[in-house]
Amino acid sequence: MHTKYKTIVEMLGLKQLDVYRVREGSRDVDIVRLYDPATRKIIVINLGSVRESISLEDYLAKVLEASSKHGVRISDKKLQTVRESIAKKS
């Protein structure tokens, strides 16, 4: 199941380093660490919940938002490919 999330990351040209679950208050949240080989930056994303409860579209939005905050640019071509792939799976 988690492979689909990792696939999105790889299609964007990033590498998933790890995912770990922490407790925030009374709920579990997933923290995802990604690596951008082009800029050699590490992107840390607090999903705010566990991955299983997030749609692929929402997951992509969180990855893009965090990438932007870290100064990592995702090419329009890669982004279009990912969006088409998500649409096929829906």
C-alpha atoms as a PDB file:
ATOM      1  CA  MET A   1       0.000   0.000   0.000  1.00  0.00           C
ATOM      2  CA  HIS A   2       2.766   2.467   0.855  1.00  0.00           C
ATOM      3  CA  THR A   3       4.453   1.737  -2.460  1.00  0.00           C
ATOM      4  CA  LYS A   4       2.060   4.098  -4.249  1.00  0.00           C
ATOM      5  CA  TYR A   5       3.248   6.998  -2.083  1.00  0.00           C
ATOM      6  CA  LYS A   6       6.885   6.164  -2.734  1.00  0.00           C
ATOM      7  CA  THR A   7       6.156   5.855  -6.463  1.00  0.00           C
ATOM      8  CA  ILE A   8       4.791   9.410  -6.520  1.00  0.00           C
ATOM      9  CA  VAL A   9       7.954  10.682  -4.866  1.00  0.00           C
ATOM     10  CA  GLU A  10      10.200   8.838  -7.325  1.00  0.00           C
ATOM     11  CA  MET A  11       8.198  10.061 -10.326  1.00  0.00           C
ATOM     12  CA  LEU A  12       8.863  13.615  -9.113  1.00  0.00           C
ATOM     13  CA  GLY A  13      12.604  12.920  -9.234  1.00  0.00           C
ATOM     14  CA  LEU A  14      12.992  12.718  -5.457  1.00  0.00           C
ATOM     15  CA  LYS A  15      14.137   9.868  -3.243  1.00  0.00           C
ATOM     16  CA  GLN A  16      12.269   8.742  -0.139  1.00  0.00           C
ATOM     17  CA  LEU A  17      14.736   8.380   2.713  1.00  0.00           C
ATOM     18  CA  ASP A  18      12.373   7.205   5.409  1.00  0.00           C
ATOM     19  CA  VAL A  19       8.949   7.496   6.961  1.00  0.00           C
ATOM     20  CA  TYR A  20       8.389   7.357  10.658  1.00  0.00           C
ATOM     21  CA  ARG A  21       5.328   7.600  12.843  1.00  0.00           C
ATOM     22  CA  VAL A  22       5.240   9.796  15.926  1.00  0.00           C
ATOM     23  CA  ARG A  23       2.605  10.616  18.473  1.00  0.00           C
ATOM     24  CA  GLU A  24       1.348  14.215  18.522  1.00  0.00           C
ATOM     25  CA  GLY A  25      -1.058  14.669  21.370  1.00  0.00           C
ATOM     26  CA  SER A  26      -3.644  11.936  21.069  1.00  0.00           C
ATOM     27  CA  ARG A  27      -2.989  10.981  17.432  1.00  0.00           C
ATOM     28  CA  ASP A  28      -0.319   9.396  15.288  1.00  0.00           C
ATOM     29  CA  VAL A  29       1.254  11.349  12.432  1.00  0.00           C
ATOM     30  CA  ASP A  30       3.713  10.298   9.735  1.00  0.00           C
ATOM     31  CA  ILE A  31       6.898  12.251   9.085  1.00  0.00           C
ATOM     32  CA  VAL A  32       8.382  11.723   5.609  1.00  0.00           C
ATOM     33  CA  ARG A  33      11.964  12.598   4.712  1.00  0.00           C
ATOM     34  CA  LEU A  34      12.772  13.061   1.025  1.00  0.00           C
ATOM     35  CA  TYR A  35      16.036  13.794  -0.755  1.00  0.00           C
ATOM     36  CA  ASP A  36      16.435  15.899  -3.887  1.00  0.00           C
ATOM     37  CA  PRO A  37      19.538  14.701  -5.782  1.00  0.00           C
ATOM     38  CA  ALA A  38      19.632  17.857  -7.924  1.00  0.00           C
ATOM     39  CA  THR A  39      19.950  20.298  -5.007  1.00  0.00           C
ATOM     40  CA  ARG A  40      21.156  17.767  -2.424  1.00  0.00           C
ATOM     41  CA  LYS A  41      18.506  19.029  -0.007  1.00  0.00           C
ATOM     42  CA  ILE A  42      16.522  17.013   2.497  1.00  0.00           C
ATOM     43  CA  ILE A  43      12.801  17.742   2.626  1.00  0.00           C
ATOM     44  CA  VAL A  44      10.934  16.960   5.849  1.00  0.00           C
ATOM     45  CA  ILE A  45       7.157  16.674   5.649  1.00  0.00           C
ATOM     46  CA  ASN A  46       4.822  16.354   8.622  1.00  0.00           C
ATOM     47  CA  LEU A  47       1.715  14.862   7.036  1.00  0.00           C
ATOM     48  CA  GLY A  48      -0.497  15.745  10.005  1.00  0.00           C
ATOM     49  CA  SER A  49      -1.960  12.233   9.970  1.00  0.00           C
ATOM     50  CA  VAL A  50      -0.977   8.769   8.858  1.00  0.00           C
ATOM     51  CA  ARG A  51      -0.407   8.165   5.141  1.00  0.00           C
ATOM     52  CA  GLU A  52      -3.205   5.620   4.857  1.00  0.00           C
ATOM     53  CA  SER A  53      -5.753   8.319   5.652  1.00  0.00           C
ATOM     54  CA  ILE A  54      -4.502  10.757   2.970  1.00  0.00           C
ATOM     55  CA  SER A  55      -5.580  10.597  -0.660  1.00  0.00           C
ATOM     56  CA  LEU A  56      -2.867  10.491  -3.317  1.00  0.00           C
ATOM     57  CA  GLU A  57      -3.870  14.002  -4.443  1.00  0.00           C
ATOM     58  CA  ASP A  58      -3.492  15.369  -0.900  1.00  0.00           C
ATOM     59  CA  TYR A  59      -0.188  13.568  -0.471  1.00  0.00           C
ATOM     60  CA  LEU A  60       1.102  15.098  -3.711  1.00  0.00           C
ATOM     61  CA  ALA A  61      -0.034  18.551  -2.550  1.00  0.00           C
ATOM     62  CA  LYS A  62       1.860  18.150   0.739  1.00  0.00           C
ATOM     63  CA  VAL A  63       5.009  17.002  -1.092  1.00  0.00           C
ATOM     64  CA  LEU A  64       4.817  19.953  -3.483  1.00  0.00           C
ATOM     65  CA  GLU A  65       4.205  22.450  -0.669  1.00  0.00           C
ATOM     66  CA  ALA A  66       7.142  21.150   1.373  1.00  0.00           C
ATOM     67  CA  SER A  67       9.393  21.012  -1.698  1.00  0.00           C
ATOM     68  CA  SER A  68       8.615  24.636  -2.463  1.00  0.00           C
ATOM     69  CA  LYS A  69       9.363  25.694   1.132  1.00  0.00           C
ATOM     70  CA  HIS A  70      12.755  23.964   0.888  1.00  0.00           C
ATOM     71  CA  GLY A  71      13.559  25.624  -2.439  1.00  0.00           C
ATOM     72  CA  VAL A  72      13.205  22.465  -4.507  1.00  0.00           C
ATOM     73  CA  ARG A  73      11.538  22.941  -7.883  1.00  0.00           C
ATOM     74  CA  ILE A  74       9.595  20.101  -9.495  1.00  0.00           C
ATOM     75  CA  SER A  75       9.483  20.204 -13.292  1.00  0.00           C
ATOM     76  CA  ASP A  76       6.097  20.757 -14.902  1.00  0.00           C
ATOM     77  CA  LYS A  77       6.590  17.665 -17.073  1.00  0.00           C
ATOM     78  CA  LYS A  78       7.176  15.386 -14.059  1.00  0.00           C
ATOM     79  CA  LEU A  79       4.267  16.952 -12.223  1.00  0.00           C
ATOM     80  CA  GLN A  80       1.944  16.420 -15.185  1.00  0.00           C
ATOM     81  CA  THR A  81       3.019  12.770 -15.435  1.00  0.00           C
ATOM     82  CA  VAL A  82       2.294  12.218 -11.733  1.00  0.00           C
ATOM     83  CA  ARG A  83      -1.109  13.892 -11.935  1.00  0.00           C
ATOM     84  CA  GLU A  84      -2.062  11.742 -14.931  1.00  0.00           C
ATOM     85  CA  SER A  85      -0.951   8.631 -13.078  1.00  0.00           C
ATOM     86  CA  ILE A  86      -3.040   9.567 -10.034  1.00  0.00           C
ATOM     87  CA  ALA A  87      -6.066  10.261 -12.236  1.00  0.00           C
ATOM     88  CA  LYS A  88      -5.800   6.775 -13.774  1.00  0.00           C
ATOM     89  CA  LYS A  89      -5.769   5.179 -10.329  1.00  0.00           C
ATOM     90  CA  SER A  90      -8.878   7.076  -9.185  1.00  0.00           C
END
